[in-house]
Amino acid sequence: MNRPPFQTAFPAERPTGTSGGVRRRPNPPTFAFVWALAALGGCQSFESRPLDPNAHQEAWDRRTLDGASLEEFMSRRAPLPSELATDFDPQDGLSLGEGRLVALVYNPTLRLARLRVERTAAGAAHSGSAVDPSLEFSALRATDGGSDPWVIAAGLGFSIPLGGRRAAERDLAEAELRAQKGAFLESEWTVWRDVGVAWIEWSAARLRVDATERLARGLEGLARTAMDLADRGELASTEAALFRIEQAQRNNQLRRLRGEVEAAKLRLLGLVGLPPATLLELLPAIELETTIVAIAPAGPDAIALRNPELARLRREYDVAEAALRHAIRKQYPDLTLGPLFESDAGRSRIGLLGGIPLPLLNANRREIAEARVEREIARAAVETAFESLVGGWAVAVARAQALAGQREELVQVLAPLMDRQVEDAFEMLRLGESASTLVLLESLTRAFQAKLDLIDIRAAEAIARAEIVYVIGPANTAAVSHMPEDRR
């Protein structure tokens, strides 16, 4: 019979029994079929799980800030970075720190990141497994007839790696799992930053609305006073109408500002993973860090030590190293050994089936060459990311310092001047100097604009300082030990 190349059979002939001068036909190698059927019976089966949008919508709408559920969630994961740790009590409203905690549970980006870690962990748990044995079977019938024209052969081959490929495969899977956990930590840190920035923007929008409402209420009383002066002939009607015009403009501005507040709140709820219809009081906060990091060697050193993006890229470099090692190990062949059974014209033989590929033409050269280049790409990614992060940190520090100086000058110099101007204008109007009405209107609008500028500067400074903290990274960079179950 024809055998696969590089395979040999070592016969051990055994006489076939006879009865009444008639040769008995050999029993076919049914054991091979029984073994194959048993192996197939142990395979997993598919179970359909269709999407259910209605059930998901109902579950999303029912999400609540159950403190016990949040505590249970956090108890199943590694300790939080100190920047994320906070006590949770939403009864008096949701603060920025509490909102970040809710985002860790419900944020949609983190939900997907957790599932990706679970997928990689599932693959790592089964990496480096032994290759399934292969069953070979052939049946030939002689064309020249005869009492037993069948030639039947069956063999079972077991793959035995010679070059440590399975260990390299396990190392690669473990490196991929560490990299995926690093990506999850980076996602958590990015959500921390995004929630903080969105909270600052919403808080600033709220403060703009409050300042505009106060001005509109003040203008309403001044407009009535101006109209009374105009009726008595003490003020030109055109000048009195300016107060009404200014009031109408501010009321119109309030419509836009209130819409911005609502849009900012909805964006914030989306980041923390809550539905838009959630009835939840949010507590405004424009955080200003107590200290600002100066441009010094300590900044780059801290980034190199703590930045989650850089840590994730280093782990991806480890993956590239493990992938190259695995590709090199794969060029070494696997030895195939196993028992062989043959029945030829009523004569049975048993022997050994063996085979080994010769790495002469392919030798996995393409995969090895590509893996070497991928390792260089991973190295470049680490180095260029460090350069970009240090540059971004320096930009954020410079911006925060400039905004801090502008804020201090506005508070210490410009604001007192504007307050004095408004007080003097009111005093002149009280003394009956009608010419002071236009001065008062101009003073009020300039003071209002200064308040808006202060709100914008404080928000921009807070965002810049949050960016500094984000680029440096969390103080506690402990790896995520395990992924908590997803909360729908």
Protein backbone atom coordinates (compact mmCIF):
# COMPACT_ATOMS: atom_id res chain seq x y z
CA MET A 1 0.00 0.00 0.00
CA ASN A 2 1.02 3.61 -0.40
CA ARG A 3 2.03 5.38 2.83
CA PRO A 4 2.59 9.05 3.55
CA PRO A 5 6.18 10.19 2.97
CA PHE A 6 8.71 9.67 5.78
CA GLN A 7 6.44 7.09 7.44
CA THR A 8 7.47 3.51 8.18
CA ALA A 9 5.67 0.43 9.41
CA PHE A 10 7.43 -2.24 11.41
CA PRO A 11 5.43 -5.47 10.76
CA ALA A 12 4.76 -8.13 13.30
CA GLU A 13 2.97 -10.86 11.33
CA ARG A 14 0.36 -12.95 12.95
CA PRO A 15 -1.20 -16.04 11.29
CA THR A 16 -4.82 -15.84 10.49
CA GLY A 17 -7.02 -18.48 12.07
CA THR A 18 -8.96 -20.90 9.84
CA SER A 19 -12.04 -22.97 10.28
CA GLY A 20 -13.08 -25.89 8.07
CA GLY A 21 -10.40 -25.00 5.55
CA VAL A 22 -12.06 -21.65 4.94
CA ARG A 23 -10.02 -18.51 5.77
CA ARG A 24 -11.87 -16.15 8.10
CA ARG A 25 -12.16 -12.52 7.06
CA PRO A 26 -10.48 -10.20 9.56
CA ASN A 27 -12.57 -7.89 11.65
CA PRO A 28 -12.12 -4.28 10.47
CA PRO A 29 -10.37 -1.89 12.88
CA THR A 30 -13.56 -0.73 14.53
CA PHE A 31 -11.67 0.48 17.59
CA ALA A 32 -10.52 3.51 15.61
CA PHE A 33 -14.05 4.46 14.70
CA VAL A 34 -15.25 4.00 18.27
CA TRP A 35 -12.44 6.25 19.54
CA ALA A 36 -13.20 8.90 16.92
CA LEU A 37 -16.91 8.90 17.79
CA ALA A 38 -16.11 9.17 21.49
CA ALA A 39 -13.82 12.13 20.83
CA LEU A 40 -16.49 13.86 18.78
CA GLY A 41 -18.99 13.30 21.57
CA GLY A 42 -16.81 15.38 23.90
CA CYS A 43 -16.90 18.45 21.63
CA GLN A 44 -18.80 21.55 22.68
CA SER A 45 -22.07 22.47 21.02
CA PHE A 46 -23.33 25.84 19.84
CA GLU A 47 -26.13 27.61 21.68
CA SER A 48 -27.72 30.62 20.06
CA ARG A 49 -28.16 33.76 22.14
CA PRO A 50 -30.09 36.34 20.09
CA LEU A 51 -29.93 40.03 20.86
CA ASP A 52 -32.81 41.44 22.90
CA PRO A 53 -32.88 45.25 22.49
CA ASN A 54 -36.04 45.64 24.54
CA ALA A 55 -34.62 43.80 27.53
CA HIS A 56 -31.42 45.84 27.33
CA GLN A 57 -33.41 49.10 27.15
CA GLU A 58 -35.42 48.12 30.22
CA ALA A 59 -32.30 47.15 32.16
CA TRP A 60 -30.59 50.41 31.20
CA ASP A 61 -33.59 52.48 32.29
CA ARG A 62 -33.66 50.68 35.65
CA ARG A 63 -30.04 51.44 36.54
CA THR A 64 -29.76 52.95 39.98
CA LEU A 65 -26.92 54.12 42.18
CA ASP A 66 -27.18 51.25 44.62
CA GLY A 67 -24.26 51.75 46.98
CA ALA A 68 -24.20 48.06 47.96
CA SER A 69 -23.87 47.00 44.32
CA LEU A 70 -21.04 49.44 43.75
CA GLU A 71 -19.20 48.26 46.84
CA GLU A 72 -19.60 44.63 45.72
CA PHE A 73 -18.25 45.55 42.31
CA MET A 74 -15.19 47.27 43.74
CA SER A 75 -14.50 44.42 46.17
CA ARG A 76 -13.89 42.04 43.25
CA ARG A 77 -11.09 44.04 41.66
CA ALA A 78 -7.63 45.35 42.51
CA PRO A 79 -7.30 48.41 44.77
CA LEU A 80 -8.20 51.66 43.08
CA PRO A 81 -5.61 54.32 42.33
CA SER A 82 -5.73 56.95 45.07
CA GLU A 83 -7.13 59.47 42.55
CA LEU A 84 -10.16 57.20 42.02
CA ALA A 85 -10.81 56.14 45.62
CA THR A 86 -13.72 57.88 47.34
CA ASP A 87 -16.57 57.21 49.74
CA PHE A 88 -19.88 56.75 47.99
CA ASP A 89 -23.04 58.40 49.29
CA PRO A 90 -25.26 59.91 46.54
CA GLN A 91 -28.10 60.80 48.93
CA ASP A 92 -27.05 64.47 49.02
CA GLY A 93 -26.19 64.60 45.32
CA LEU A 94 -23.50 63.09 43.16
CA SER A 95 -20.07 64.66 43.46
CA LEU A 96 -17.26 64.44 40.92
CA GLY A 97 -15.44 61.72 42.88
CA GLU A 98 -18.64 59.68 43.20
CA GLY A 99 -19.38 60.16 39.51
CA ARG A 100 -15.98 58.72 38.64
CA LEU A 101 -16.76 55.70 40.79
CA VAL A 102 -20.09 55.17 39.02
CA ALA A 103 -18.30 55.41 35.67
CA LEU A 104 -16.01 52.53 36.67
CA VAL A 105 -19.10 50.34 36.94
CA TYR A 106 -21.32 51.55 34.10
CA ASN A 107 -19.12 53.34 31.55
CA PRO A 108 -19.69 51.62 28.16
CA THR A 109 -16.02 51.86 27.14
CA LEU A 110 -14.93 50.09 30.31
CA ARG A 111 -17.56 47.41 29.83
CA LEU A 112 -16.03 46.52 26.47
CA ALA A 113 -12.51 46.73 27.91
CA ARG A 114 -13.41 44.23 30.64
CA LEU A 115 -14.81 41.83 28.07
CA ARG A 116 -11.64 42.10 25.99
CA VAL A 117 -9.60 41.14 29.04
CA GLU A 118 -11.89 38.17 29.64
CA ARG A 119 -11.46 37.09 26.01
CA THR A 120 -7.67 37.26 26.26
CA ALA A 121 -7.72 35.46 29.61
CA ALA A 122 -9.86 32.69 28.12
CA GLY A 123 -7.36 32.25 25.31
CA ALA A 124 -4.39 32.27 27.69
CA ALA A 125 -6.00 29.57 29.83
CA HIS A 126 -5.99 27.17 26.87
CA SER A 127 -2.72 28.18 25.21
CA GLY A 128 0.08 25.69 24.73
CA SER A 129 -2.32 22.75 24.74
CA ALA A 130 -1.36 19.48 23.14
CA VAL A 131 -2.32 19.02 19.49
CA ASP A 132 -5.22 16.66 18.92
CA PRO A 133 -4.12 13.25 17.60
CA SER A 134 -4.85 12.52 13.95
CA LEU A 135 -6.62 9.38 12.77
CA GLU A 136 -5.60 8.01 9.37
CA PHE A 137 -7.65 5.35 7.60
CA SER A 138 -7.55 3.78 4.17
CA ALA A 139 -9.46 0.92 2.49
CA LEU A 140 -8.46 -0.55 -0.88
CA ARG A 141 -10.06 -3.42 -2.85
CA ALA A 142 -7.99 -5.58 -5.17
CA THR A 143 -9.36 -5.63 -8.73
CA ASP A 144 -8.13 -9.15 -9.48
CA GLY A 145 -10.59 -10.69 -7.03
CA GLY A 146 -9.60 -13.31 -4.51
CA SER A 147 -11.08 -14.69 -1.36
CA ASP A 148 -10.17 -11.53 0.63
CA PRO A 149 -9.67 -8.61 -1.77
CA TRP A 150 -9.66 -5.83 0.89
CA VAL A 151 -6.57 -3.99 2.10
CA ILE A 152 -7.39 -1.98 5.21
CA ALA A 153 -5.03 0.29 7.20
CA ALA A 154 -5.58 2.57 10.19
CA GLY A 155 -3.12 4.67 12.17
CA LEU A 156 -3.24 7.13 15.05
CA GLY A 157 -0.67 9.94 15.09
CA PHE A 158 0.37 11.97 18.14
CA SER A 159 2.23 15.26 17.68
CA ILE A 160 5.32 15.75 19.87
CA PRO A 161 6.90 19.24 19.70
CA LEU A 162 10.69 19.23 19.60
CA GLY A 163 11.58 22.92 19.83
CA GLY A 164 9.64 24.23 22.86
CA ARG A 165 6.84 25.68 20.76
CA ARG A 166 4.15 25.03 23.34
CA ALA A 167 6.05 26.82 26.11
CA ALA A 168 6.66 29.76 23.79
CA GLU A 169 2.96 29.81 22.93
CA ARG A 170 2.06 29.96 26.63
CA ASP A 171 4.55 32.77 27.21
CA LEU A 172 3.04 34.71 24.31
CA ALA A 173 -0.50 34.27 25.64
CA GLU A 174 0.52 35.42 29.12
CA ALA A 175 2.25 38.48 27.66
CA GLU A 176 -0.89 39.30 25.66
CA LEU A 177 -2.99 39.01 28.82
CA ARG A 178 -0.69 41.40 30.72
CA ALA A 179 -0.88 43.86 27.84
CA GLN A 180 -4.67 43.65 27.75
CA LYS A 181 -4.87 44.29 31.49
CA GLY A 182 -2.61 47.28 30.96
CA ALA A 183 -4.98 48.53 28.27
CA PHE A 184 -7.86 48.18 30.73
CA LEU A 185 -6.01 50.24 33.35
CA GLU A 186 -5.31 52.86 30.69
CA SER A 187 -9.01 52.92 29.79
CA GLU A 188 -9.93 53.43 33.45
CA TRP A 189 -7.50 56.31 33.71
CA THR A 190 -8.83 57.88 30.50
CA VAL A 191 -12.39 57.64 31.81
CA TRP A 192 -11.19 59.31 35.03
CA ARG A 193 -9.90 62.22 32.96
CA ASP A 194 -12.91 62.40 30.62
CA VAL A 195 -15.43 62.42 33.46
CA GLY A 196 -13.45 65.15 35.24
CA VAL A 197 -13.27 67.35 32.13
CA ALA A 198 -16.97 66.85 31.38
CA TRP A 199 -17.84 67.67 35.01
CA ILE A 200 -15.81 70.88 34.86
CA GLU A 201 -17.45 71.92 31.59
CA TRP A 202 -20.94 71.25 32.99
CA SER A 203 -20.11 73.12 36.20
CA ALA A 204 -18.80 76.11 34.24
CA ALA A 205 -21.97 76.15 32.16
CA ARG A 206 -24.02 76.18 35.37
CA LEU A 207 -22.02 79.13 36.73
CA ARG A 208 -22.55 81.07 33.48
CA VAL A 209 -26.29 80.55 33.81
CA ASP A 210 -26.26 81.73 37.44
CA ALA A 211 -24.27 84.88 36.59
CA THR A 212 -26.54 85.70 33.65
CA GLU A 213 -29.69 85.20 35.72
CA ARG A 214 -28.40 87.60 38.38
CA LEU A 215 -27.64 90.25 35.75
CA ALA A 216 -31.05 89.78 34.11
CA ARG A 217 -32.82 90.25 37.45
CA GLY A 218 -30.79 93.36 38.19
CA LEU A 219 -31.51 94.81 34.76
CA GLU A 220 -35.22 94.28 35.25
CA GLY A 221 -35.31 96.64 38.23
CA LEU A 222 -32.98 99.15 36.54
CA ALA A 223 -35.15 99.12 33.43
CA ARG A 224 -38.22 100.10 35.50
CA THR A 225 -36.23 102.84 37.21
CA ALA A 226 -34.99 104.16 33.87
CA MET A 227 -38.50 104.19 32.43
CA ASP A 228 -39.76 106.15 35.48
CA LEU A 229 -36.99 108.70 34.96
CA ALA A 230 -37.93 108.95 31.30
CA ASP A 231 -41.60 109.51 32.19
CA ARG A 232 -40.60 112.40 34.49
CA GLY A 233 -38.41 113.87 31.77
CA GLU A 234 -35.21 113.30 33.72
CA LEU A 235 -33.83 110.77 31.23
CA ALA A 236 -34.08 110.47 27.49
CA SER A 237 -36.38 107.66 26.41
CA THR A 238 -33.71 106.34 24.02
CA GLU A 239 -31.31 105.93 26.93
CA ALA A 240 -33.97 104.28 29.09
CA ALA A 241 -34.72 101.83 26.30
CA LEU A 242 -31.11 100.63 26.39
CA PHE A 243 -31.82 98.90 29.71
CA ARG A 244 -34.79 97.05 28.19
CA ILE A 245 -32.67 96.04 25.20
CA GLU A 246 -29.88 94.78 27.44
CA GLN A 247 -32.34 92.83 29.55
CA ALA A 248 -33.90 91.21 26.47
CA GLN A 249 -30.46 90.26 25.18
CA ARG A 250 -29.53 88.60 28.46
CA ASN A 251 -32.84 86.71 28.60
CA ASN A 252 -32.17 85.47 25.09
CA GLN A 253 -28.65 84.49 26.09
CA LEU A 254 -30.09 82.52 28.99
CA ARG A 255 -31.97 80.25 26.57
CA ARG A 256 -28.73 79.23 24.89
CA LEU A 257 -26.82 78.85 28.16
CA ARG A 258 -29.52 76.66 29.70
CA GLY A 259 -29.43 74.47 26.60
CA GLU A 260 -25.66 74.15 26.99
CA VAL A 261 -26.09 73.12 30.62
CA GLU A 262 -28.59 70.41 29.65
CA ALA A 263 -26.39 69.14 26.82
CA ALA A 264 -23.35 69.04 29.12
CA LYS A 265 -25.32 67.13 31.75
CA LEU A 266 -26.52 64.56 29.21
CA ARG A 267 -22.96 64.07 27.98
CA LEU A 268 -21.85 63.59 31.58
CA LEU A 269 -24.57 61.00 32.24
CA GLY A 270 -23.48 59.15 29.10
CA LEU A 271 -19.89 59.01 30.31
CA VAL A 272 -20.87 57.52 33.66
CA GLY A 273 -23.20 55.07 31.89
CA LEU A 274 -26.59 56.31 33.10
CA PRO A 275 -29.64 56.88 30.83
CA PRO A 276 -30.57 60.46 29.86
CA ALA A 277 -33.81 60.33 31.85
CA THR A 278 -32.00 59.69 35.14
CA LEU A 279 -33.34 61.91 37.92
CA LEU A 280 -30.11 62.68 39.70
CA GLU A 281 -28.74 65.82 41.28
CA LEU A 282 -25.19 66.60 40.24
CA LEU A 283 -22.98 68.77 42.42
CA PRO A 284 -20.98 71.39 40.44
CA ALA A 285 -17.23 71.40 40.91
CA ILE A 286 -14.40 73.23 39.22
CA GLU A 287 -11.42 71.59 40.83
CA LEU A 288 -8.12 73.43 41.07
CA GLU A 289 -5.24 71.26 42.18
CA THR A 290 -3.45 72.59 45.26
CA THR A 291 -0.08 72.46 43.53
CA ILE A 292 1.09 72.64 39.96
CA VAL A 293 4.06 70.65 38.75
CA ALA A 294 6.86 72.81 37.42
CA ILE A 295 8.83 71.87 34.33
CA ALA A 296 11.64 69.88 35.96
CA PRO A 297 13.38 66.53 35.50
CA ALA A 298 10.97 64.98 38.01
CA GLY A 299 8.14 65.36 35.48
CA PRO A 300 9.56 63.05 32.79
CA ASP A 301 10.72 60.62 35.48
CA ALA A 302 7.21 60.41 36.92
CA ILE A 303 5.74 59.91 33.45
CA ALA A 304 8.15 57.06 32.74
CA LEU A 305 7.20 55.41 36.03
CA ARG A 306 3.45 56.00 36.25
CA ASN A 307 1.84 56.78 32.88
CA PRO A 308 -0.64 53.98 31.97
CA GLU A 309 -0.24 54.43 28.21
CA LEU A 310 3.51 54.00 28.49
CA ALA A 311 3.06 50.96 30.74
CA ARG A 312 0.68 49.41 28.22
CA LEU A 313 3.10 50.01 25.34
CA ARG A 314 5.92 48.38 27.31
CA ARG A 315 3.75 45.33 27.78
CA GLU A 316 2.97 45.32 24.08
CA TYR A 317 6.72 45.31 23.45
CA ASP A 318 6.92 42.22 25.66
CA VAL A 319 4.21 40.72 23.45
CA ALA A 320 6.30 41.47 20.36
CA GLU A 321 9.31 39.80 21.99
CA ALA A 322 7.27 36.73 22.89
CA ALA A 323 5.76 36.63 19.39
CA LEU A 324 9.24 36.58 17.82
CA ARG A 325 10.35 33.85 20.19
CA HIS A 326 7.23 31.85 19.32
CA ALA A 327 7.79 32.31 15.58
CA ILE A 328 11.37 31.05 15.92
CA ARG A 329 10.23 28.04 17.91
CA LYS A 330 7.65 27.22 15.25
CA GLN A 331 10.37 26.61 12.67
CA TYR A 332 11.38 23.48 14.56
CA PRO A 333 9.22 20.54 13.43
CA ASP A 334 6.86 18.42 15.46
CA LEU A 335 7.44 14.69 15.54
CA THR A 336 4.41 12.52 14.78
CA LEU A 337 4.30 9.07 16.37
CA GLY A 338 1.55 6.55 16.82
CA PRO A 339 0.38 2.96 16.36
CA LEU A 340 -0.43 1.57 12.90
CA PHE A 341 -2.73 -1.37 12.00
CA GLU A 342 -2.94 -2.99 8.58
CA SER A 343 -4.94 -5.88 7.12
CA ASP A 344 -3.76 -7.09 3.70
CA ALA A 345 -5.43 -10.10 2.06
CA GLY A 346 -6.35 -11.54 5.41
CA ARG A 347 -2.95 -10.98 6.99
CA SER A 348 -2.87 -8.52 9.93
CA ARG A 349 0.09 -6.32 10.81
CA ILE A 350 0.73 -3.85 13.61
CA GLY A 351 3.54 -1.33 13.73
CA LEU A 352 4.58 2.23 14.38
CA LEU A 353 3.59 5.31 12.42
CA GLY A 354 6.17 8.11 12.38
CA GLY A 355 6.71 11.37 10.49
CA ILE A 356 8.58 14.62 10.72
CA PRO A 357 8.55 17.65 8.36
CA LEU A 358 11.93 18.93 7.18
CA PRO A 359 12.37 22.73 7.59
CA LEU A 360 14.28 23.16 4.35
CA LEU A 361 12.08 25.30 2.08
CA ASN A 362 9.79 27.32 4.36
CA ALA A 363 11.22 27.23 7.92
CA ASN A 364 8.66 29.87 8.94
CA ARG A 365 10.91 32.56 7.45
CA ARG A 366 8.14 35.03 6.62
CA GLU A 367 6.57 34.99 10.11
CA ILE A 368 10.00 35.35 11.74
CA ALA A 369 10.95 38.29 9.51
CA GLU A 370 7.65 40.06 10.16
CA ALA A 371 7.93 39.41 13.92
CA ARG A 372 11.37 41.03 13.99
CA VAL A 373 9.98 44.16 12.34
CA GLU A 374 6.96 44.16 14.68
CA ARG A 375 9.35 44.17 17.62
CA GLU A 376 11.08 47.26 16.24
CA ILE A 377 7.70 48.91 15.71
CA ALA A 378 6.79 48.17 19.35
CA ARG A 379 10.10 49.64 20.50
CA ALA A 380 9.52 52.80 18.45
CA ALA A 381 5.98 53.06 19.85
CA VAL A 382 7.34 53.15 23.42
CA GLU A 383 10.00 55.71 22.64
CA THR A 384 7.83 58.06 20.56
CA ALA A 385 4.98 57.84 23.09
CA PHE A 386 7.35 58.93 25.85
CA GLU A 387 8.49 61.90 23.77
CA SER A 388 4.89 62.86 22.98
CA LEU A 389 3.76 62.52 26.60
CA VAL A 390 6.59 64.66 27.96
CA GLY A 391 5.87 67.28 25.30
CA GLY A 392 2.16 67.24 26.12
CA TRP A 393 2.91 67.50 29.82
CA ALA A 394 5.13 70.55 29.25
CA VAL A 395 2.39 72.20 27.15
CA ALA A 396 -0.22 71.54 29.86
CA VAL A 397 2.07 72.95 32.56
CA ALA A 398 2.75 76.10 30.53
CA ARG A 399 -0.97 76.57 29.83
CA ALA A 400 -1.92 76.06 33.47
CA GLN A 401 0.72 78.53 34.64
CA ALA A 402 -0.44 81.17 32.15
CA LEU A 403 -4.08 80.70 33.12
CA ALA A 404 -3.21 80.84 36.82
CA GLY A 405 -1.47 84.17 36.31
CA GLN A 406 -4.40 85.52 34.32
CA ARG A 407 -6.85 84.37 37.00
CA GLU A 408 -4.86 85.99 39.80
CA GLU A 409 -4.66 89.30 37.96
CA LEU A 410 -8.37 89.23 37.19
CA VAL A 411 -9.27 88.52 40.82
CA GLN A 412 -6.79 90.89 42.45
CA VAL A 413 -6.72 93.80 39.99
CA LEU A 414 -9.57 93.90 37.48
CA ALA A 415 -12.43 92.63 39.66
CA PRO A 416 -11.92 95.26 42.43
CA LEU A 417 -11.80 98.01 39.80
CA MET A 418 -15.04 96.81 38.23
CA ASP A 419 -16.76 96.59 41.63
CA ARG A 420 -15.71 100.13 42.50
CA GLN A 421 -16.93 101.40 39.13
CA VAL A 422 -20.36 99.84 39.61
CA GLU A 423 -20.65 101.23 43.15
CA ASP A 424 -19.74 104.75 41.99
CA ALA A 425 -22.27 104.59 39.15
CA PHE A 426 -25.04 103.54 41.53
CA GLU A 427 -24.11 106.34 43.92
CA MET A 428 -24.26 108.91 41.11
CA LEU A 429 -27.66 107.61 40.06
CA ARG A 430 -28.90 107.81 43.68
CA LEU A 431 -27.81 111.43 43.82
CA GLY A 432 -30.00 112.17 40.80
CA GLU A 433 -27.34 112.49 38.12
CA SER A 434 -29.17 111.09 35.14
CA ALA A 435 -26.01 111.14 33.03
CA SER A 436 -24.72 108.29 35.15
CA THR A 437 -27.29 105.83 33.77
CA LEU A 438 -25.25 105.01 30.68
CA VAL A 439 -22.12 104.75 32.82
CA LEU A 440 -23.96 102.33 35.11
CA LEU A 441 -25.14 100.20 32.19
CA GLU A 442 -21.65 100.05 30.72
CA SER A 443 -20.19 99.22 34.13
CA LEU A 444 -22.69 96.41 34.71
CA THR A 445 -22.05 94.79 31.32
CA ARG A 446 -18.27 95.02 31.75
CA ALA A 447 -18.47 93.54 35.26
CA PHE A 448 -20.68 90.74 33.94
CA GLN A 449 -18.23 89.96 31.15
CA ALA A 450 -15.40 89.89 33.68
CA LYS A 451 -17.33 87.29 35.69
CA LEU A 452 -17.82 85.16 32.59
CA ASP A 453 -14.12 85.49 31.79
CA LEU A 454 -13.25 84.38 35.30
CA ILE A 455 -15.49 81.33 34.98
CA ASP A 456 -13.90 80.40 31.65
CA ILE A 457 -10.37 80.92 32.99
CA ARG A 458 -11.03 78.81 36.09
CA ALA A 459 -12.51 76.02 33.96
CA ALA A 460 -9.62 76.11 31.48
CA GLU A 461 -7.08 76.10 34.30
CA ALA A 462 -8.79 73.19 36.02
CA ILE A 463 -8.81 71.22 32.75
CA ALA A 464 -5.12 72.00 32.18
CA ARG A 465 -4.21 70.84 35.66
CA ALA A 466 -6.31 67.70 35.23
CA GLU A 467 -4.36 67.05 32.02
CA ILE A 468 -1.08 67.34 33.96
CA VAL A 469 -2.25 64.73 36.45
CA TYR A 470 -3.56 62.55 33.61
CA VAL A 471 -0.28 62.58 31.68
CA ILE A 472 1.79 61.76 34.78
CA GLY A 473 -0.52 58.89 35.72
CA PRO A 474 -2.09 57.54 38.91
CA ALA A 475 -0.06 57.30 42.09
CA ASN A 476 -1.02 53.63 42.46
CA THR A 477 -0.15 51.79 39.26
CA ALA A 478 -0.86 48.27 40.56
CA ALA A 479 -1.91 45.92 37.79
CA VAL A 480 -5.52 44.82 37.61
CA SER A 481 -5.61 41.38 39.20
CA HIS A 482 -8.95 40.23 37.85
CA MET A 483 -11.90 41.64 35.99
CA PRO A 484 -15.22 42.10 37.81
CA GLU A 485 -18.41 40.79 36.30
CA ASP A 486 -20.23 43.14 33.99
CA ARG A 487 -23.24 45.04 35.34
CA ARG A 488 -25.99 45.57 32.82
